[in-house]
Every structure is written in C-alpha cells, then in structure tokens.
Protein backbone atom coordinates (compact mmCIF):
# COMPACT_ATOMS: atom_id res chain seq x y z
CA MET A 1 15.19 -29.36 32.47
CA ASP A 2 19.00 -27.88 32.34
CA SER A 3 19.80 -24.44 31.90
CA SER A 4 19.96 -24.23 28.62
CA SER A 5 16.82 -25.73 27.43
CA VAL A 6 15.30 -23.20 29.87
CA LEU A 7 16.92 -20.59 27.60
CA VAL A 8 15.56 -21.46 24.42
CA ALA A 9 12.21 -21.51 26.28
CA SER A 10 12.48 -18.66 27.46
CA LEU A 11 13.50 -17.28 24.24
CA ILE A 12 10.73 -18.53 21.97
CA VAL A 13 8.37 -17.74 24.95
CA GLY A 14 9.75 -13.99 24.57
CA LEU A 15 9.34 -14.20 20.50
CA VAL A 16 5.47 -15.14 21.23
CA LEU A 17 4.85 -12.53 23.46
CA MET A 18 6.97 -9.61 20.80
CA ALA A 19 4.78 -11.15 18.09
CA ALA A 20 1.41 -10.56 20.04
CA VAL A 21 2.70 -6.78 20.68
CA HIS A 22 3.95 -6.21 17.23
CA VAL A 23 2.88 -2.55 15.68
CA PRO A 24 3.57 -2.42 12.00
CA GLN A 25 5.90 0.21 11.14
CA ALA A 26 6.18 2.25 8.03
CA GLU A 27 9.50 1.26 6.41
CA ALA A 28 9.63 2.09 2.58
CA ARG A 29 8.12 5.51 1.14
CA ALA A 30 4.27 5.14 0.67
CA PHE A 31 2.62 5.91 -2.51
CA PHE A 32 -0.69 7.29 -3.73
CA VAL A 33 -2.20 7.66 -6.71
CA PHE A 34 -4.65 9.69 -8.04
CA GLY A 35 -6.49 9.89 -11.69
CA ASP A 36 -7.81 8.13 -14.57
CA SER A 37 -7.39 5.19 -16.40
CA LEU A 38 -4.04 6.29 -17.49
CA VAL A 39 -3.71 4.91 -13.72
CA ASP A 40 -6.42 3.10 -12.58
CA SER A 41 -5.81 -0.24 -11.00
CA GLY A 42 -8.70 -1.64 -10.82
CA ASN A 43 -10.91 0.66 -8.31
CA ASN A 44 -13.85 0.68 -11.40
CA ASP A 45 -13.77 -3.31 -11.33
CA TYR A 46 -15.67 -2.46 -7.74
CA LEU A 47 -18.44 0.18 -9.41
CA VAL A 48 -21.34 -0.14 -11.35
CA THR A 49 -19.97 1.40 -14.20
CA THR A 50 -18.94 1.34 -17.88
CA ALA A 51 -15.85 2.15 -17.60
CA ARG A 52 -14.24 -0.91 -16.80
CA ALA A 53 -11.20 -3.45 -17.88
CA ASP A 54 -12.31 -6.47 -15.92
CA SER A 55 -12.44 -8.81 -18.92
CA PRO A 56 -9.96 -10.77 -21.64
CA PRO A 57 -7.52 -9.76 -23.21
CA TYR A 58 -6.91 -6.94 -20.76
CA GLY A 59 -4.38 -8.45 -17.95
CA ILE A 60 -2.37 -10.98 -21.20
CA ASP A 61 1.23 -9.82 -19.70
CA TYR A 62 0.41 -9.52 -16.23
CA PRO A 63 2.09 -11.63 -14.14
CA THR A 64 -1.24 -13.88 -13.24
CA HIS A 65 -2.58 -13.44 -16.98
CA ARG A 66 -6.01 -12.09 -16.01
CA PRO A 67 -7.71 -8.91 -16.58
CA THR A 68 -6.48 -6.66 -12.85
CA GLY A 69 -8.75 -3.49 -13.79
CA ARG A 70 -6.15 -2.00 -15.09
CA PHE A 71 -5.95 -0.48 -18.65
CA SER A 72 -2.98 -2.47 -19.96
CA ASN A 73 -1.91 -5.61 -21.76
CA GLY A 74 0.22 -5.77 -17.63
CA LEU A 75 1.84 -2.96 -15.72
CA ASN A 76 0.61 0.41 -15.86
CA ILE A 77 2.91 3.36 -14.64
CA PRO A 78 2.57 3.58 -11.14
CA ASP A 79 3.07 -0.20 -11.22
CA ILE A 80 6.29 0.33 -13.00
CA ILE A 81 7.54 3.48 -10.89
CA SER A 82 6.48 0.75 -7.65
CA GLU A 83 8.89 -1.42 -9.12
CA ARG A 84 11.65 1.05 -9.72
CA ILE A 85 11.30 2.11 -5.79
CA GLY A 86 11.69 -1.40 -4.58
CA SER A 87 8.21 -1.29 -3.27
CA GLU A 88 5.03 -3.74 -3.75
CA SER A 89 2.10 -2.21 -6.48
CA THR A 90 0.01 -0.35 -4.52
CA LEU A 91 -3.62 -2.04 -4.45
CA PRO A 92 -6.62 0.17 -5.61
CA TYR A 93 -8.44 1.77 -2.76
CA LEU A 94 -11.98 0.09 -3.53
CA SER A 95 -9.37 -3.84 -2.87
CA PRO A 96 -10.59 -5.86 -0.18
CA GLU A 97 -7.49 -6.89 0.17
CA LEU A 98 -5.83 -3.16 1.33
CA THR A 99 -6.00 -4.04 4.56
CA GLY A 100 -3.36 -4.47 7.94
CA GLU A 101 0.32 -3.52 7.01
CA ARG A 102 -0.73 -3.70 3.15
CA LEU A 103 -1.81 -0.43 3.91
CA LEU A 104 1.87 0.98 4.29
CA VAL A 105 2.71 0.53 1.00
CA GLY A 106 0.21 3.17 0.11
CA ALA A 107 -2.46 3.09 -1.60
CA ASN A 108 -4.49 3.90 -5.56
CA PHE A 109 -7.04 5.76 -5.75
CA ALA A 110 -7.59 6.40 -9.61
CA SER A 111 -10.61 5.62 -11.46
CA ALA A 112 -11.16 5.01 -14.77
CA GLY A 113 -13.42 7.87 -16.76
CA ILE A 114 -12.94 11.10 -14.57
CA GLY A 115 -11.84 14.43 -15.20
CA ILE A 116 -10.85 17.38 -13.47
CA LEU A 117 -14.35 18.45 -14.08
CA ASP A 118 -17.11 17.10 -12.11
CA ASP A 119 -19.00 16.71 -15.84
CA THR A 120 -16.29 14.78 -17.16
CA GLY A 121 -17.26 11.19 -17.31
CA ILE A 122 -20.62 11.48 -16.97
CA GLN A 123 -21.45 8.74 -19.44
CA PHE A 124 -19.12 6.32 -18.03
CA LEU A 125 -22.14 6.56 -14.68
CA ASN A 126 -20.66 5.45 -11.47
CA ILE A 127 -16.49 6.56 -11.11
CA ILE A 128 -14.53 7.92 -8.63
CA LYS A 129 -14.53 11.93 -9.50
CA ILE A 130 -11.18 13.60 -8.04
CA PHE A 131 -12.50 15.33 -5.06
CA ASN A 132 -14.53 12.15 -3.96
CA GLN A 133 -10.78 9.92 -4.26
CA LEU A 134 -9.93 13.07 -2.00
CA GLU A 135 -12.35 11.74 0.44
CA TYR A 136 -10.73 8.11 0.28
CA PHE A 137 -7.49 9.54 1.23
CA GLN A 138 -8.70 10.82 4.56
CA GLN A 139 -10.21 7.27 5.14
CA TYR A 140 -7.46 5.90 4.15
CA GLN A 141 -5.42 7.73 6.55
CA GLN A 142 -7.93 7.16 9.41
CA ARG A 143 -7.55 3.68 8.94
CA VAL A 144 -3.54 3.68 8.86
CA SER A 145 -3.93 5.58 12.43
CA ALA A 146 -5.99 2.99 14.01
CA LEU A 147 -3.48 0.60 12.72
CA ILE A 148 0.08 2.31 13.61
CA GLY A 149 -1.12 5.23 15.29
CA ALA A 150 -1.41 8.99 14.64
CA GLU A 151 2.24 9.72 14.81
CA GLN A 152 3.72 6.92 12.54
CA THR A 153 1.20 8.04 9.53
CA GLN A 154 1.91 11.81 9.94
CA GLN A 155 5.26 10.94 9.28
CA LEU A 156 3.99 8.25 6.56
CA VAL A 157 2.32 10.76 4.70
CA ASN A 158 4.84 13.10 5.05
CA GLN A 159 7.22 10.94 3.49
CA ALA A 160 5.02 10.30 0.41
CA LEU A 161 5.43 9.85 -3.41
CA VAL A 162 2.03 11.15 -5.04
CA LEU A 163 1.45 11.01 -8.76
CA ILE A 164 -2.04 12.58 -10.36
CA THR A 165 -2.76 12.49 -13.87
CA LEU A 166 -6.25 14.42 -15.32
CA GLY A 167 -6.80 16.20 -18.37
CA GLY A 168 -6.87 13.66 -21.30
CA ASN A 169 -10.64 13.24 -20.15
CA ASP A 170 -11.56 16.48 -20.39
CA PHE A 171 -11.25 16.67 -23.68
CA VAL A 172 -11.56 13.47 -25.20
CA ASN A 173 -15.04 12.69 -22.99
CA ASN A 174 -16.42 15.89 -22.57
CA TYR A 175 -14.71 18.78 -24.92
CA TYR A 176 -14.66 16.71 -27.91
CA LEU A 177 -17.51 14.36 -27.17
CA VAL A 178 -19.72 14.71 -29.43
CA PRO A 179 -20.12 17.84 -32.29
CA PHE A 180 -21.30 20.71 -30.17
CA SER A 181 -20.70 19.65 -26.62
CA LEU A 182 -22.09 22.13 -24.20
CA ARG A 183 -18.67 22.95 -23.27
CA SER A 184 -17.13 23.32 -27.03
CA ARG A 185 -20.49 26.27 -26.73
CA GLN A 186 -19.67 27.59 -23.83
CA PHE A 187 -15.50 27.96 -24.17
CA SER A 188 -13.46 28.34 -27.51
CA LEU A 189 -10.63 26.06 -27.37
CA PRO A 190 -8.28 28.35 -25.61
CA ASP A 191 -10.53 29.77 -23.24
CA PHE A 192 -11.54 25.67 -22.18
CA VAL A 193 -8.19 25.23 -21.90
CA ARG A 194 -7.17 28.50 -18.92
CA TYR A 195 -10.59 27.13 -17.03
CA LEU A 196 -9.09 23.94 -16.74
CA ILE A 197 -5.46 25.05 -15.39
CA SER A 198 -7.12 27.26 -13.23
CA GLU A 199 -9.56 24.24 -12.25
CA TYR A 200 -6.57 21.91 -12.17
CA ARG A 201 -4.80 24.37 -9.76
CA LYS A 202 -7.52 24.12 -7.24
CA VAL A 203 -7.32 20.54 -7.20
CA LEU A 204 -3.21 20.45 -7.17
CA THR A 205 -3.95 23.21 -3.76
CA VAL A 206 -6.94 20.41 -2.10
CA ILE A 207 -4.39 17.82 -2.25
CA LEU A 208 -1.87 19.71 -0.72
CA ILE A 209 -3.87 21.07 2.15
CA VAL A 210 -5.68 17.52 2.31
CA LEU A 211 -1.40 16.16 2.95
CA VAL A 212 -0.51 18.55 5.14
CA THR A 213 -3.93 19.09 7.39
CA TYR A 214 -5.93 15.84 7.14
CA PRO A 215 -9.13 17.30 6.42
CA SER A 216 -12.13 16.16 4.38
CA ALA A 217 -12.07 17.15 0.49
CA GLU A 218 -15.61 19.11 1.42
CA SER A 219 -13.55 21.26 4.29
CA ALA A 220 -10.43 21.38 2.20
CA GLN A 221 -12.66 23.08 -0.19
CA CYS A 222 -13.76 25.75 1.90
CA LYS A 223 -10.64 26.47 3.71
CA ILE A 224 -9.29 27.12 -0.34
CA SER A 225 -11.85 29.47 -0.76
CA GLU A 226 -10.23 31.48 3.34
CA GLU A 227 -6.69 31.38 2.10
CA GLN A 228 -7.65 33.04 -0.52
CA THR A 229 -9.09 35.61 0.70
CA GLN A 230 -6.51 36.36 3.16
CA HIS A 231 -3.39 35.50 0.99
CA SER A 232 -4.11 37.01 -2.23
CA GLY A 233 -3.27 33.33 -4.08
CA ASN A 234 -1.09 32.43 -1.22
CA LEU A 235 -2.74 29.22 -0.87
CA ILE A 236 -0.45 27.51 1.75
CA THR A 237 1.06 29.87 4.50
CA HIS A 238 5.18 29.74 4.95
CA HIS A 239 4.48 28.92 8.89
CA ARG A 240 3.06 25.49 7.24
CA LEU A 241 6.20 24.57 5.30
CA TYR A 242 7.68 22.36 8.10
CA GLU A 243 4.77 20.07 7.90
CA LEU A 244 5.13 19.04 4.24
CA GLY A 245 8.19 17.05 5.08
CA ALA A 246 9.75 14.79 1.68
CA ARG A 247 6.14 14.96 -0.02
CA ARG A 248 6.67 15.37 -3.90
CA VAL A 249 3.58 15.49 -6.07
CA LEU A 250 4.35 14.28 -10.08
CA VAL A 251 1.63 16.08 -12.00
CA THR A 252 1.77 14.41 -15.37
CA GLY A 253 -0.05 16.74 -18.43
CA THR A 254 -2.09 15.02 -21.49
CA GLY A 255 -0.28 12.66 -23.55
CA PRO A 256 -1.08 13.88 -27.24
CA LEU A 257 -4.10 13.50 -27.94
CA GLY A 258 -4.51 13.16 -31.99
CA CYS A 259 -1.93 11.03 -31.82
CA VAL A 260 -3.82 7.95 -30.10
CA PRO A 261 -5.39 5.37 -32.16
CA GLY A 262 -8.62 6.05 -31.16
CA GLU A 263 -8.54 9.87 -32.40
CA LEU A 264 -7.22 8.93 -35.71
CA ALA A 265 -9.98 6.27 -36.08
CA THR A 266 -12.07 9.13 -35.64
CA ARG A 267 -10.50 12.65 -36.98
CA SER A 268 -6.98 11.53 -38.87
CA VAL A 269 -6.91 13.17 -42.05
CA ASN A 270 -4.09 10.38 -44.18
CA GLY A 271 -2.69 8.91 -40.41
CA GLU A 272 -2.05 12.32 -39.78
CA CYS A 273 -2.05 13.55 -35.64
CA ALA A 274 -6.11 15.03 -35.61
CA VAL A 275 -5.64 18.76 -36.02
CA GLU A 276 -7.88 19.55 -33.00
CA PRO A 277 -7.34 17.26 -30.17
CA GLN A 278 -3.49 17.56 -31.28
CA ARG A 279 -3.98 21.51 -30.64
CA ALA A 280 -5.72 21.13 -27.24
CA ALA A 281 -2.96 18.90 -25.92
CA ARG A 282 -0.54 21.75 -27.35
CA LEU A 283 -2.16 24.87 -25.41
CA PHE A 284 -2.68 22.44 -22.41
CA ASN A 285 0.50 20.80 -21.46
CA PRO A 286 2.58 24.54 -21.44
CA GLN A 287 0.19 26.11 -19.27
CA LEU A 288 -0.01 23.06 -17.43
CA ILE A 289 3.77 23.75 -16.45
CA GLN A 290 3.57 27.36 -16.03
CA MET A 291 0.61 26.63 -13.55
CA ILE A 292 2.56 24.32 -11.37
CA SER A 293 5.53 26.82 -11.60
CA GLY A 294 3.69 29.58 -9.46
CA LEU A 295 1.85 26.75 -7.63
CA ASN A 296 5.34 26.26 -6.27
CA SER A 297 6.44 29.65 -6.43
CA ASP A 298 3.27 30.23 -4.02
CA ILE A 299 4.40 27.01 -1.66
CA GLY A 300 7.96 28.17 -1.48
CA ALA A 301 8.94 24.45 -2.03
CA ASP A 302 9.38 22.43 -5.12
CA VAL A 303 6.46 20.60 -4.07
CA PHE A 304 4.67 19.91 -7.25
CA VAL A 305 6.71 18.22 -10.36
CA ALA A 306 5.35 18.50 -14.15
CA VAL A 307 5.53 15.50 -15.83
CA ASN A 308 6.11 16.26 -19.34
CA ALA A 309 3.86 12.83 -21.23
CA ALA A 310 3.42 14.66 -24.73
CA GLU A 311 6.73 14.85 -25.61
CA MET A 312 7.54 11.41 -23.96
CA HIS A 313 5.23 9.69 -25.62
CA MET A 314 6.17 11.85 -28.89
CA ASN A 315 9.81 10.35 -29.20
CA PHE A 316 8.34 6.99 -29.70
CA ILE A 317 5.09 8.33 -31.89
CA THR A 318 7.34 9.93 -34.23
CA ASP A 319 9.83 7.35 -34.27
CA PRO A 320 8.34 4.01 -33.64
CA GLN A 321 11.25 1.93 -34.68
CA ALA A 322 13.89 3.98 -32.92
CA TYR A 323 12.12 2.15 -29.57
CA GLY A 324 11.74 -1.35 -31.04
CA PHE A 325 7.93 -0.62 -32.21
CA VAL A 326 6.55 -1.48 -35.29
CA SER A 327 3.50 0.99 -34.50
CA ALA A 328 2.84 3.64 -33.03
CA LYS A 329 -0.37 4.23 -35.19
CA ILE A 330 -2.25 0.64 -34.71
CA ALA A 331 -3.46 -0.63 -31.17
CA CYS A 332 -3.05 -4.05 -29.80
CA CYS A 333 -5.92 -4.34 -29.23
CA GLY A 334 -9.57 -3.12 -30.65
CA GLN A 335 -11.14 -2.60 -34.23
CA GLY A 336 -11.72 -0.68 -37.24
CA PRO A 337 -8.90 1.64 -38.84
CA TYR A 338 -5.68 1.77 -36.42
CA ASN A 339 -7.72 -1.13 -34.26
CA GLY A 340 -8.88 2.37 -32.82
CA LEU A 341 -12.67 1.89 -32.80
CA GLY A 342 -15.15 0.91 -29.49
CA THR A 343 -12.76 -1.13 -27.28
CA CYS A 344 -10.77 -4.08 -26.60
CA THR A 345 -12.56 -7.26 -25.95
CA ILE A 346 -12.35 -10.75 -26.59
CA LEU A 347 -13.47 -10.34 -30.13
CA SER A 348 -11.28 -7.33 -31.75
CA SER A 349 -8.66 -8.08 -33.27
CA LEU A 350 -5.64 -9.11 -31.31
CA CYS A 351 -1.81 -8.65 -32.16
CA PRO A 352 0.39 -11.29 -31.08
CA ASN A 353 3.27 -9.86 -29.72
CA ARG A 354 2.17 -6.71 -27.69
CA ASP A 355 5.76 -5.36 -26.95
CA LEU A 356 6.18 -4.22 -30.78
CA TYR A 357 3.43 -2.00 -30.24
CA ALA A 358 3.38 1.23 -28.57
CA PHE A 359 -0.68 1.44 -28.08
CA TRP A 360 -2.37 -1.33 -26.52
CA ASP A 361 -5.83 -0.73 -26.97
CA PRO A 362 -7.33 2.92 -28.37
CA PHE A 363 -6.24 5.47 -25.70
CA HIS A 364 -3.79 3.41 -23.10
CA PRO A 365 0.02 2.69 -23.97
CA SER A 366 1.01 -0.87 -23.95
CA GLU A 367 3.32 -1.99 -20.66
CA ARG A 368 6.43 -1.55 -22.83
CA ALA A 369 5.86 1.88 -23.74
CA ASN A 370 4.60 2.88 -19.97
CA ARG A 371 8.20 1.51 -19.08
CA ILE A 372 9.97 3.63 -21.80
CA ILE A 373 7.46 6.88 -19.66
CA VAL A 374 8.87 5.77 -16.41
CA GLN A 375 12.46 6.01 -17.35
CA GLN A 376 12.06 9.44 -18.41
CA ILE A 377 10.22 10.45 -14.74
CA PHE A 378 13.59 8.52 -13.22
CA THR A 379 16.05 9.94 -15.62
CA GLY A 380 14.75 12.49 -17.91
CA THR A 381 15.69 16.24 -18.55
CA SER A 382 13.84 18.91 -17.82
CA ASN A 383 12.28 18.90 -21.02
CA TYR A 384 10.10 16.02 -19.59
CA MET A 385 10.85 16.58 -16.14
CA TYR A 386 10.43 20.23 -14.37
CA PRO A 387 11.85 20.83 -12.00
CA MET A 388 13.72 17.85 -11.38
CA ASN A 389 13.50 14.02 -12.13
CA LEU A 390 12.42 11.69 -9.64
CA SER A 391 16.16 9.99 -9.40
CA THR A 392 17.15 13.69 -8.80
CA ILE A 393 14.19 13.86 -5.83
CA MET A 394 14.87 11.16 -4.47
CA ALA A 395 18.26 11.33 -4.23
CA MET A 396 17.63 14.89 -2.36
CA ASP A 397 14.89 13.65 0.06
CA SER A 398 17.33 10.96 0.76
CA ARG A 399 19.21 13.64 2.75
CA THR A 400 16.95 15.27 4.36
C-alpha cells in the first residue's frame, strides 16, 4: 500500500472513530410550547380524550395532507414561529419520534382543552393540565441531559424561546360552558377575571422557576409559597437573575372570544360578536398585560412578553377583505349557522379554498390567519407585542 493509500485509510478510520464518540450539540435556539388547542401539535392524539383533531379534514393543507393532531387545516402558530426562526417544528412531547437529536429542537407540551384552572376542560376527560405539562418539561430536561450532559442542557434551556397560550378555555369551556355554571355562580365576571389573572401569575412564576432551577412542577409550587412569604411578592430573587440567560416567554392573551364562529352560532344577535364572551376578553387581556408588566418589574428583566392576540384577530375580523379573506364570520369547516356548531368532521361542510377564510373550524384560525398573527408577533408595535416584538427580542439576544 502506497503512502497516499495509507493516508486515506487513516482518515477514514479517524472519521469513523469521531462518529462513534459524537456527542450531539444544541446549536439552534430551542423552542418550548405550553398551552391549549391553539398551540397543541398532537399530544392529545396519544390520550383517551374527546378533544382531538386526528381525523380528516384536519391537516388537509399540512405538507402530508393528513391529520396531525393540530386544530388547523395546516400549520399552527408554533409551526410558523419555528419556520420563521429557521428551525424544524417542535414535536409533541408524547410523540415516540421525539428522541435523540430531535430533542434539541425543543418540545411541544400543549394539550387541547386545558385552561389556567384545573377544573377547565374536565368534560374532555384525559388532558394534560398546565402543571402536568411542566412536569413533562422536567422529564424532558432529564432526557436531554442524558443525551448532551447537564452543562449543555442548561445552556439550551438558558437560551430557549417559550410560548404559552392559556385563558380562552377558562371562559368558553368553563365560565360560559353551561347556563349557571359553577364558576359563574361563584364569581361575577370581573371577579372571575381577577381570579384568573392571579392564577395565571402563579403559572408564569412556576414556569420561570422551573426554567431556572429545574425542579418538578410540584416542588416549584412549594417554592412559590416560600418566596411569596419571604420576599413580599418578589417571586424571583435578584441573585438568580444571572441564571435567566436569554430566556424569553411569549404569553398570549385570549382572542376575541365573542367573534369566533362557535360563539356567533350560539350567542350572536344578527351576526354581531357575542356580547358576554367579548366582554370577558376585553376585561382579561388588559389585565394580563398589566400583570406581565408587574411580574417583569418584580424580576427586574423583560422575560415575559405579552402577545395581544385579541387585537391581532380583530384586524382581520373587522376588515376581512383587507387581508384577502371572504369571511371572518363563517368557519371553513363545520355545520349550522356560520359553520359554528359541533366539530369539524368528514361530514361537515368544507370550503374549497381555506386561504379565503379567517377561521378553519368553529374556534381555531386557518393557517393563513395564523401566518398573519405570527407576522405581528415578529414585527408588531407595542399595541400588539409588549414590551417588544420577537424580531427585536432576537436581535437583542443575539448580542448577549
């Protein structure tokens, strides 16, 4: 064997050895998603629940043209955010495909039907409530640590982008679910909104503590109680701020609850947005922004970013033609008035061109509407994104 052949053979052996000891590296920014059906990418497909989107025509415009568990004709908001940041979509945490290097992209823990409150969505049977989603997140970190080591895992979480979407179901599938519901007898609407905001603040605090300290959700709740007592509301002590890294948590408010086809079909007068659910959204969203501002002040950093989903939706609801829609009142898939009754099934009325409809089914935007919402998440003014939009966040974090 001549010297050149020996050199080639040595290089091949070296490459094989390097491959054998390769440790995956987390290069792109990880993305974690928590919440309800607006952001669920298929976790409920693995549960015994009635809150599922695993049958046609769901997924009709997804690249595979098959149902994926997303409550959409195609991509949902997390998918489009991933697309915009140059990453592949996060897989549902319960997916058996979420293994190996795919873990480094992040994970979607969302579950259709859940709310801020534990009693929201109980009619759907088996769903992943928000604190259970956080327990799964701890499991996720342990799995990643086994893959790339504790130090790399901490770096991945430190630089993560987080999206949480909660609140709508607490009204639609709890307070207003039936006349004289337990919660509506317990609270007036303004008092219920204040209660929800206080509970949402606890959820956001637990998320941040879990991100910083990697406890289980249960122990994190205990931690909150201790820190509330010891620090008079300053839930994250300033000596931990250096651990926050470039973490950002996008927190969406509710959409315009009274204007979705499902509410128009059951509560509307003459096709106008239903008064009571719309009143709920108008009370909830400003208080959410105020709460987030106060929480950031307590932390001493703009970790949480409020996404004003109601205003984003109202743009194309009030003037659908300006956004290329023929309708923002009629769902593409459904039955009854406004296609707003029941669920979207193979027997439902189905529009031929989903891009012309703002709503895919009685409660969820179409993929095209989701793209308009994500555009505002990236570039919207402070009326839509407070205190800053995602493009600004990414530019700032790239310099840290």
